[in-house]
Amino acid sequence: MKKTDSTPLWVFLAFSSIESRKGALILIWSSLIFSIYCIPWVNYFQGNIWIEKLFLIDDWEWFAMTIPMTVWYWYSLKWIDKNGGF
């Protein structure tokens, strides 16, 4: 992404190394999927060995950190779409 005079710093920092809208969408979807992975599923499926081996996170710290990042990426993409695109 190229920074113009009208691009806010928060938008530029979100997509500084991404060159296309498709790349931004891949980042947003990856962040969303990782956020879903970070839900402490182990607490809800106790005794299930498959879940315990696949989902290693047992608290809400990672989820609480990834959701704001995903929202930040989404709002940045909305700003870019509204103000001229990539």
PDB file of N, CA and C in Angstrom:
ATOM      1  N   MET A   1       0.843  -1.164   0.000  1.00  0.00           N
ATOM      2  CA  MET A   1       0.000   0.000   0.000  1.00  0.00           C
ATOM      3  C   MET A   1       0.892   1.232   0.000  1.00  0.00           C
ATOM      4  N   LYS A   2       0.519   2.186  -0.808  1.00  0.00           N
ATOM      5  CA  LYS A   2       1.252   3.443  -0.848  1.00  0.00           C
ATOM      6  C   LYS A   2       0.557   4.466   0.032  1.00  0.00           C
ATOM      7  N   LYS A   3       1.353   5.133   0.838  1.00  0.00           N
ATOM      8  CA  LYS A   3       0.790   6.138   1.748  1.00  0.00           C
ATOM      9  C   LYS A   3       0.656   7.464   1.006  1.00  0.00           C
ATOM     10  N   THR A   4      -0.547   8.015   1.063  1.00  0.00           N
ATOM     11  CA  THR A   4      -0.787   9.342   0.515  1.00  0.00           C
ATOM     12  C   THR A   4      -0.939  10.310   1.686  1.00  0.00           C
ATOM     13  N   ASP A   5      -1.073  11.573   1.374  1.00  0.00           N
ATOM     14  CA  ASP A   5      -1.231  12.573   2.431  1.00  0.00           C
ATOM     15  C   ASP A   5      -2.538  12.407   3.201  1.00  0.00           C
ATOM     16  N   SER A   6      -3.553  11.847   2.544  1.00  0.00           N
ATOM     17  CA  SER A   6      -4.853  11.709   3.206  1.00  0.00           C
ATOM     18  C   SER A   6      -5.011  10.386   3.963  1.00  0.00           C
ATOM     19  N   THR A   7      -4.069   9.466   3.797  1.00  0.00           N
ATOM     20  CA  THR A   7      -4.162   8.177   4.475  1.00  0.00           C
ATOM     21  C   THR A   7      -3.786   8.315   5.945  1.00  0.00           C
ATOM     22  N   PRO A   8      -4.693   7.952   6.852  1.00  0.00           N
ATOM     23  CA  PRO A   8      -4.351   8.013   8.276  1.00  0.00           C
ATOM     24  C   PRO A   8      -3.281   6.974   8.625  1.00  0.00           C
ATOM     25  N   LEU A   9      -2.543   7.250   9.659  1.00  0.00           N
ATOM     26  CA  LEU A   9      -1.470   6.353  10.075  1.00  0.00           C
ATOM     27  C   LEU A   9      -2.012   4.983  10.472  1.00  0.00           C
ATOM     28  N   TRP A  10      -3.175   4.937  11.114  1.00  0.00           N
ATOM     29  CA  TRP A  10      -3.725   3.654  11.558  1.00  0.00           C
ATOM     30  C   TRP A  10      -4.101   2.761  10.383  1.00  0.00           C
ATOM     31  N   VAL A  11      -4.486   3.354   9.259  1.00  0.00           N
ATOM     32  CA  VAL A  11      -4.791   2.566   8.060  1.00  0.00           C
ATOM     33  C   VAL A  11      -3.499   2.101   7.405  1.00  0.00           C
ATOM     34  N   PHE A  12      -2.534   2.989   7.316  1.00  0.00           N
ATOM     35  CA  PHE A  12      -1.258   2.631   6.700  1.00  0.00           C
ATOM     36  C   PHE A  12      -0.563   1.522   7.480  1.00  0.00           C
ATOM     37  N   LEU A  13      -0.587   1.587   8.800  1.00  0.00           N
ATOM     38  CA  LEU A  13       0.069   0.555   9.603  1.00  0.00           C
ATOM     39  C   LEU A  13      -0.614  -0.801   9.467  1.00  0.00           C
ATOM     40  N   ALA A  14      -1.904  -0.812   9.233  1.00  0.00           N
ATOM     41  CA  ALA A  14      -2.621  -2.075   9.081  1.00  0.00           C
ATOM     42  C   ALA A  14      -2.211  -2.809   7.805  1.00  0.00           C
ATOM     43  N   PHE A  15      -2.016  -2.073   6.725  1.00  0.00           N
ATOM     44  CA  PHE A  15      -1.759  -2.707   5.433  1.00  0.00           C
ATOM     45  C   PHE A  15      -0.476  -2.204   4.774  1.00  0.00           C
ATOM     46  N   SER A  16       0.527  -1.866   5.536  1.00  0.00           N
ATOM     47  CA  SER A  16       1.739  -1.276   4.955  1.00  0.00           C
ATOM     48  C   SER A  16       2.475  -2.222   4.010  1.00  0.00           C
ATOM     49  N   SER A  17       2.399  -3.518   4.237  1.00  0.00           N
ATOM     50  CA  SER A  17       3.114  -4.459   3.368  1.00  0.00           C
ATOM     51  C   SER A  17       2.179  -5.235   2.444  1.00  0.00           C
ATOM     52  N   ILE A  18       0.930  -4.826   2.359  1.00  0.00           N
ATOM     53  CA  ILE A  18      -0.042  -5.511   1.511  1.00  0.00           C
ATOM     54  C   ILE A  18      -0.324  -4.638   0.299  1.00  0.00           C
ATOM     55  N   GLU A  19      -0.291  -5.242  -0.869  1.00  0.00           N
ATOM     56  CA  GLU A  19      -0.375  -4.490  -2.122  1.00  0.00           C
ATOM     57  C   GLU A  19      -1.743  -4.521  -2.793  1.00  0.00           C
ATOM     58  N   SER A  20      -2.637  -5.391  -2.339  1.00  0.00           N
ATOM     59  CA  SER A  20      -3.917  -5.508  -3.035  1.00  0.00           C
ATOM     60  C   SER A  20      -5.062  -5.712  -2.049  1.00  0.00           C
ATOM     61  N   ARG A  21      -6.267  -5.519  -2.549  1.00  0.00           N
ATOM     62  CA  ARG A  21      -7.459  -5.746  -1.733  1.00  0.00           C
ATOM     63  C   ARG A  21      -7.598  -7.226  -1.390  1.00  0.00           C
ATOM     64  N   LYS A  22      -7.222  -8.083  -2.327  1.00  0.00           N
ATOM     65  CA  LYS A  22      -7.272  -9.522  -2.084  1.00  0.00           C
ATOM     66  C   LYS A  22      -6.349  -9.902  -0.928  1.00  0.00           C
ATOM     67  N   GLY A  23      -5.163  -9.324  -0.888  1.00  0.00           N
ATOM     68  CA  GLY A  23      -4.242  -9.574   0.223  1.00  0.00           C
ATOM     69  C   GLY A  23      -4.802  -9.097   1.544  1.00  0.00           C
ATOM     70  N   ALA A  24      -5.491  -7.951   1.535  1.00  0.00           N
ATOM     71  CA  ALA A  24      -6.103  -7.435   2.750  1.00  0.00           C
ATOM     72  C   ALA A  24      -7.231  -8.359   3.213  1.00  0.00           C
ATOM     73  N   LEU A  25      -8.019  -8.862   2.288  1.00  0.00           N
ATOM     74  CA  LEU A  25      -9.089  -9.793   2.651  1.00  0.00           C
ATOM     75  C   LEU A  25      -8.528 -11.096   3.208  1.00  0.00           C
ATOM     76  N   ILE A  26      -7.433 -11.578   2.644  1.00  0.00           N
ATOM     77  CA  ILE A  26      -6.793 -12.787   3.175  1.00  0.00           C
ATOM     78  C   ILE A  26      -6.322 -12.549   4.603  1.00  0.00           C
ATOM     79  N   LEU A  27      -5.750 -11.374   4.863  1.00  0.00           N
ATOM     80  CA  LEU A  27      -5.316 -11.036   6.219  1.00  0.00           C
ATOM     81  C   LEU A  27      -6.501 -10.985   7.179  1.00  0.00           C
ATOM     82  N   ILE A  28      -7.588 -10.378   6.768  1.00  0.00           N
ATOM     83  CA  ILE A  28      -8.766 -10.270   7.629  1.00  0.00           C
ATOM     84  C   ILE A  28      -9.363 -11.648   7.921  1.00  0.00           C
ATOM     85  N   TRP A  29      -9.518 -12.473   6.906  1.00  0.00           N
ATOM     86  CA  TRP A  29     -10.082 -13.807   7.108  1.00  0.00           C
ATOM     87  C   TRP A  29      -9.157 -14.675   7.955  1.00  0.00           C
ATOM     88  N   SER A  30      -7.851 -14.557   7.750  1.00  0.00           N
ATOM     89  CA  SER A  30      -6.900 -15.311   8.574  1.00  0.00           C
ATOM     90  C   SER A  30      -6.984 -14.882  10.030  1.00  0.00           C
ATOM     91  N   SER A  31      -7.098 -13.587  10.253  1.00  0.00           N
ATOM     92  CA  SER A  31      -7.224 -13.083  11.618  1.00  0.00           C
ATOM     93  C   SER A  31      -8.513 -13.573  12.268  1.00  0.00           C
ATOM     94  N   LEU A  32      -9.593 -13.594  11.510  1.00  0.00           N
ATOM     95  CA  LEU A  32     -10.864 -14.073  12.041  1.00  0.00           C
ATOM     96  C   LEU A  32     -10.800 -15.560  12.384  1.00  0.00           C
ATOM     97  N   ILE A  33     -10.207 -16.353  11.519  1.00  0.00           N
ATOM     98  CA  ILE A  33     -10.084 -17.789  11.779  1.00  0.00           C
ATOM     99  C   ILE A  33      -9.199 -18.039  13.000  1.00  0.00           C
ATOM    100  N   PHE A  34      -8.102 -17.291  13.103  1.00  0.00           N
ATOM    101  CA  PHE A  34      -7.239 -17.446  14.268  1.00  0.00           C
ATOM    102  C   PHE A  34      -7.961 -17.007  15.544  1.00  0.00           C
ATOM    103  N   SER A  35      -8.795 -15.978  15.450  1.00  0.00           N
ATOM    104  CA  SER A  35      -9.575 -15.542  16.610  1.00  0.00           C
ATOM    105  C   SER A  35     -10.517 -16.650  17.072  1.00  0.00           C
ATOM    106  N   ILE A  36     -11.137 -17.327  16.138  1.00  0.00           N
ATOM    107  CA  ILE A  36     -12.035 -18.430  16.483  1.00  0.00           C
ATOM    108  C   ILE A  36     -11.244 -19.582  17.111  1.00  0.00           C
ATOM    109  N   TYR A  37     -10.052 -19.838  16.591  1.00  0.00           N
ATOM    110  CA  TYR A  37      -9.190 -20.869  17.175  1.00  0.00           C
ATOM    111  C   TYR A  37      -8.821 -20.527  18.617  1.00  0.00           C
ATOM    112  N   CYS A  38      -8.683 -19.240  18.921  1.00  0.00           N
ATOM    113  CA  CYS A  38      -8.234 -18.791  20.246  1.00  0.00           C
ATOM    114  C   CYS A  38      -9.310 -18.840  21.318  1.00  0.00           C
ATOM    115  N   ILE A  39     -10.519 -19.189  20.949  1.00  0.00           N
ATOM    116  CA  ILE A  39     -11.546 -19.405  21.973  1.00  0.00           C
ATOM    117  C   ILE A  39     -11.114 -20.620  22.787  1.00  0.00           C
ATOM    118  N   PRO A  40     -11.191 -20.567  24.097  1.00  0.00           N
ATOM    119  CA  PRO A  40     -10.728 -21.716  24.903  1.00  0.00           C
ATOM    120  C   PRO A  40     -11.692 -22.906  24.825  1.00  0.00           C
ATOM    121  N   TRP A  41     -11.678 -23.584  23.700  1.00  0.00           N
ATOM    122  CA  TRP A  41     -12.581 -24.705  23.461  1.00  0.00           C
ATOM    123  C   TRP A  41     -12.375 -25.830  24.460  1.00  0.00           C
ATOM    124  N   VAL A  42     -11.171 -25.937  25.020  1.00  0.00           N
ATOM    125  CA  VAL A  42     -10.865 -26.996  25.981  1.00  0.00           C
ATOM    126  C   VAL A  42     -11.779 -26.897  27.209  1.00  0.00           C
ATOM    127  N   ASN A  43     -12.144 -25.691  27.580  1.00  0.00           N
ATOM    128  CA  ASN A  43     -13.022 -25.511  28.741  1.00  0.00           C
ATOM    129  C   ASN A  43     -14.445 -25.997  28.482  1.00  0.00           C
ATOM    130  N   TYR A  44     -14.849 -26.063  27.231  1.00  0.00           N
ATOM    131  CA  TYR A  44     -16.219 -26.453  26.899  1.00  0.00           C
ATOM    132  C   TYR A  44     -16.363 -27.918  26.507  1.00  0.00           C
ATOM    133  N   PHE A  45     -15.255 -28.540  26.107  1.00  0.00           N
ATOM    134  CA  PHE A  45     -15.283 -29.951  25.709  1.00  0.00           C
ATOM    135  C   PHE A  45     -14.308 -30.743  26.566  1.00  0.00           C
ATOM    136  N   GLN A  46     -14.498 -30.704  27.862  1.00  0.00           N
ATOM    137  CA  GLN A  46     -13.597 -31.393  28.784  1.00  0.00           C
ATOM    138  C   GLN A  46     -13.741 -32.897  28.628  1.00  0.00           C
ATOM    139  N   GLY A  47     -12.607 -33.565  28.655  1.00  0.00           N
ATOM    140  CA  GLY A  47     -12.604 -35.018  28.513  1.00  0.00           C
ATOM    141  C   GLY A  47     -12.453 -35.489  27.078  1.00  0.00           C
ATOM    142  N   ASN A  48     -12.562 -34.594  26.119  1.00  0.00           N
ATOM    143  CA  ASN A  48     -12.399 -34.953  24.712  1.00  0.00           C
ATOM    144  C   ASN A  48     -10.918 -34.821  24.354  1.00  0.00           C
ATOM    145  N   ILE A  49     -10.234 -35.927  24.172  1.00  0.00           N
ATOM    146  CA  ILE A  49      -8.784 -35.926  23.938  1.00  0.00           C
ATOM    147  C   ILE A  49      -8.442 -35.230  22.629  1.00  0.00           C
ATOM    148  N   TRP A  50      -9.261 -35.404  21.611  1.00  0.00           N
ATOM    149  CA  TRP A  50      -8.999 -34.782  20.303  1.00  0.00           C
ATOM    150  C   TRP A  50      -8.997 -33.262  20.425  1.00  0.00           C
ATOM    151  N   ILE A  51      -9.968 -32.713  21.127  1.00  0.00           N
ATOM    152  CA  ILE A  51     -10.052 -31.262  21.337  1.00  0.00           C
ATOM    153  C   ILE A  51      -8.877 -30.780  22.176  1.00  0.00           C
ATOM    154  N   GLU A  52      -8.514 -31.527  23.207  1.00  0.00           N
ATOM    155  CA  GLU A  52      -7.416 -31.123  24.081  1.00  0.00           C
ATOM    156  C   GLU A  52      -6.078 -31.090  23.350  1.00  0.00           C
ATOM    157  N   LYS A  53      -5.886 -31.962  22.367  1.00  0.00           N
ATOM    158  CA  LYS A  53      -4.628 -31.966  21.607  1.00  0.00           C
ATOM    159  C   LYS A  53      -4.615 -30.912  20.510  1.00  0.00           C
ATOM    160  N   LEU A  54      -5.766 -30.619  19.930  1.00  0.00           N
ATOM    161  CA  LEU A  54      -5.842 -29.660  18.828  1.00  0.00           C
ATOM    162  C   LEU A  54      -5.878 -28.216  19.317  1.00  0.00           C
ATOM    163  N   PHE A  55      -6.629 -27.959  20.350  1.00  0.00           N
ATOM    164  CA  PHE A  55      -6.784 -26.599  20.884  1.00  0.00           C
ATOM    165  C   PHE A  55      -6.038 -26.496  22.207  1.00  0.00           C
ATOM    166  N   LEU A  56      -4.902 -25.821  22.191  1.00  0.00           N
ATOM    167  CA  LEU A  56      -4.035 -25.768  23.359  1.00  0.00           C
ATOM    168  C   LEU A  56      -4.323 -24.580  24.268  1.00  0.00           C
ATOM    169  N   ILE A  57      -5.125 -23.651  23.828  1.00  0.00           N
ATOM    170  CA  ILE A  57      -5.388 -22.429  24.586  1.00  0.00           C
ATOM    171  C   ILE A  57      -6.505 -22.696  25.594  1.00  0.00           C
ATOM    172  N   ASP A  58      -6.253 -22.330  26.861  1.00  0.00           N
ATOM    173  CA  ASP A  58      -7.256 -22.596  27.890  1.00  0.00           C
ATOM    174  C   ASP A  58      -7.708 -21.344  28.641  1.00  0.00           C
ATOM    175  N   ASP A  59      -7.428 -20.156  28.078  1.00  0.00           N
ATOM    176  CA  ASP A  59      -7.931 -18.918  28.666  1.00  0.00           C
ATOM    177  C   ASP A  59      -8.310 -17.946  27.553  1.00  0.00           C
ATOM    178  N   TRP A  60      -8.857 -16.805  27.933  1.00  0.00           N
ATOM    179  CA  TRP A  60      -9.405 -15.852  26.967  1.00  0.00           C
ATOM    180  C   TRP A  60      -8.403 -14.779  26.535  1.00  0.00           C
ATOM    181  N   GLU A  61      -7.148 -14.850  26.973  1.00  0.00           N
ATOM    182  CA  GLU A  61      -6.184 -13.787  26.673  1.00  0.00           C
ATOM    183  C   GLU A  61      -5.949 -13.599  25.176  1.00  0.00           C
ATOM    184  N   TRP A  62      -5.699 -14.682  24.473  1.00  0.00           N
ATOM    185  CA  TRP A  62      -5.420 -14.564  23.039  1.00  0.00           C
ATOM    186  C   TRP A  62      -6.644 -14.084  22.273  1.00  0.00           C
ATOM    187  N   PHE A  63      -7.797 -14.596  22.625  1.00  0.00           N
ATOM    188  CA  PHE A  63      -9.024 -14.168  21.952  1.00  0.00           C
ATOM    189  C   PHE A  63      -9.256 -12.677  22.166  1.00  0.00           C
ATOM    190  N   ALA A  64      -9.038 -12.213  23.390  1.00  0.00           N
ATOM    191  CA  ALA A  64      -9.224 -10.800  23.700  1.00  0.00           C
ATOM    192  C   ALA A  64      -8.237  -9.916  22.943  1.00  0.00           C
ATOM    193  N   MET A  65      -7.121 -10.461  22.534  1.00  0.00           N
ATOM    194  CA  MET A  65      -6.132  -9.697  21.789  1.00  0.00           C
ATOM    195  C   MET A  65      -6.381  -9.751  20.275  1.00  0.00           C
ATOM    196  N   THR A  66      -6.877 -10.862  19.771  1.00  0.00           N
ATOM    197  CA  THR A  66      -7.031 -11.006  18.320  1.00  0.00           C
ATOM    198  C   THR A  66      -8.292 -10.338  17.781  1.00  0.00           C
ATOM    199  N   ILE A  67      -9.339 -10.264  18.567  1.00  0.00           N
ATOM    200  CA  ILE A  67     -10.577  -9.622  18.091  1.00  0.00           C
ATOM    201  C   ILE A  67     -10.362  -8.143  17.771  1.00  0.00           C
ATOM    202  N   PRO A  68      -9.734  -7.343  18.648  1.00  0.00           N
ATOM    203  CA  PRO A  68      -9.506  -5.939  18.274  1.00  0.00           C
ATOM    204  C   PRO A  68      -8.623  -5.780  17.035  1.00  0.00           C
ATOM    205  N   MET A  69      -7.664  -6.680  16.855  1.00  0.00           N
ATOM    206  CA  MET A  69      -6.825  -6.604  15.651  1.00  0.00           C
ATOM    207  C   MET A  69      -7.640  -6.878  14.396  1.00  0.00           C
ATOM    208  N   THR A  70      -8.525  -7.857  14.459  1.00  0.00           N
ATOM    209  CA  THR A  70      -9.376  -8.168  13.318  1.00  0.00           C
ATOM    210  C   THR A  70     -10.302  -7.003  12.994  1.00  0.00           C
ATOM    211  N   VAL A  71     -10.867  -6.402  14.015  1.00  0.00           N
ATOM    212  CA  VAL A  71     -11.742  -5.238  13.818  1.00  0.00           C
ATOM    213  C   VAL A  71     -10.950  -4.080  13.221  1.00  0.00           C
ATOM    214  N   TRP A  72      -9.731  -3.870  13.692  1.00  0.00           N
ATOM    215  CA  TRP A  72      -8.860  -2.821  13.156  1.00  0.00           C
ATOM    216  C   TRP A  72      -8.606  -3.042  11.669  1.00  0.00           C
ATOM    217  N   TYR A  73      -8.279  -4.264  11.268  1.00  0.00           N
ATOM    218  CA  TYR A  73      -8.055  -4.563   9.847  1.00  0.00           C
ATOM    219  C   TYR A  73      -9.318  -4.314   9.036  1.00  0.00           C
ATOM    220  N   TRP A  74     -10.466  -4.721   9.574  1.00  0.00           N
ATOM    221  CA  TRP A  74     -11.723  -4.555   8.852  1.00  0.00           C
ATOM    222  C   TRP A  74     -12.049  -3.079   8.661  1.00  0.00           C
ATOM    223  N   TYR A  75     -11.913  -2.274   9.721  1.00  0.00           N
ATOM    224  CA  TYR A  75     -12.177  -0.834   9.596  1.00  0.00           C
ATOM    225  C   TYR A  75     -11.173  -0.156   8.660  1.00  0.00           C
ATOM    226  N   SER A  76      -9.952  -0.611   8.667  1.00  0.00           N
ATOM    227  CA  SER A  76      -8.960  -0.058   7.744  1.00  0.00           C
ATOM    228  C   SER A  76      -9.332  -0.348   6.301  1.00  0.00           C
ATOM    229  N   LEU A  77      -9.793  -1.565   6.040  1.00  0.00           N
ATOM    230  CA  LEU A  77     -10.217  -1.900   4.680  1.00  0.00           C
ATOM    231  C   LEU A  77     -11.436  -1.083   4.288  1.00  0.00           C
ATOM    232  N   LYS A  78     -12.368  -0.887   5.200  1.00  0.00           N
ATOM    233  CA  LYS A  78     -13.528  -0.049   4.899  1.00  0.00           C
ATOM    234  C   LYS A  78     -13.107   1.379   4.567  1.00  0.00           C
ATOM    235  N   TRP A  79     -12.121   1.915   5.289  1.00  0.00           N
ATOM    236  CA  TRP A  79     -11.626   3.258   5.013  1.00  0.00           C
ATOM    237  C   TRP A  79     -10.997   3.330   3.623  1.00  0.00           C
ATOM    238  N   ILE A  80     -10.223   2.302   3.283  1.00  0.00           N
ATOM    239  CA  ILE A  80      -9.577   2.269   1.970  1.00  0.00           C
ATOM    240  C   ILE A  80     -10.630   2.186   0.861  1.00  0.00           C
ATOM    241  N   ASP A  81     -11.636   1.337   1.044  1.00  0.00           N
ATOM    242  CA  ASP A  81     -12.698   1.206   0.035  1.00  0.00           C
ATOM    243  C   ASP A  81     -13.453   2.529  -0.144  1.00  0.00           C
ATOM    244  N   LYS A  82     -13.679   3.221   0.937  1.00  0.00           N
ATOM    245  CA  LYS A  82     -14.427   4.473   0.882  1.00  0.00           C
ATOM    246  C   LYS A  82     -13.604   5.625   0.282  1.00  0.00           C
ATOM    247  N   ASN A  83     -12.288   5.540   0.397  1.00  0.00           N
ATOM    248  CA  ASN A  83     -11.420   6.653  -0.002  1.00  0.00           C
ATOM    249  C   ASN A  83     -10.474   6.337  -1.148  1.00  0.00           C
ATOM    250  N   GLY A  84     -10.864   5.524  -2.059  1.00  0.00           N
ATOM    251  CA  GLY A  84     -10.075   5.370  -3.275  1.00  0.00           C
ATOM    252  C   GLY A  84      -9.415   4.042  -3.530  1.00  0.00           C
ATOM    253  N   GLY A  85      -9.447   3.126  -2.604  1.00  0.00           N
ATOM    254  CA  GLY A  85      -8.893   1.790  -2.845  1.00  0.00           C
ATOM    255  C   GLY A  85      -7.385   1.731  -2.819  1.00  0.00           C
ATOM    256  N   PHE A  86      -6.870   0.540  -3.154  1.00  0.00           N
ATOM    257  CA  PHE A  86      -5.427   0.287  -3.126  1.00  0.00           C
ATOM    258  C   PHE A  86      -4.748   0.920  -4.292  1.00  0.00           C
TER     259      PHE A  86
END
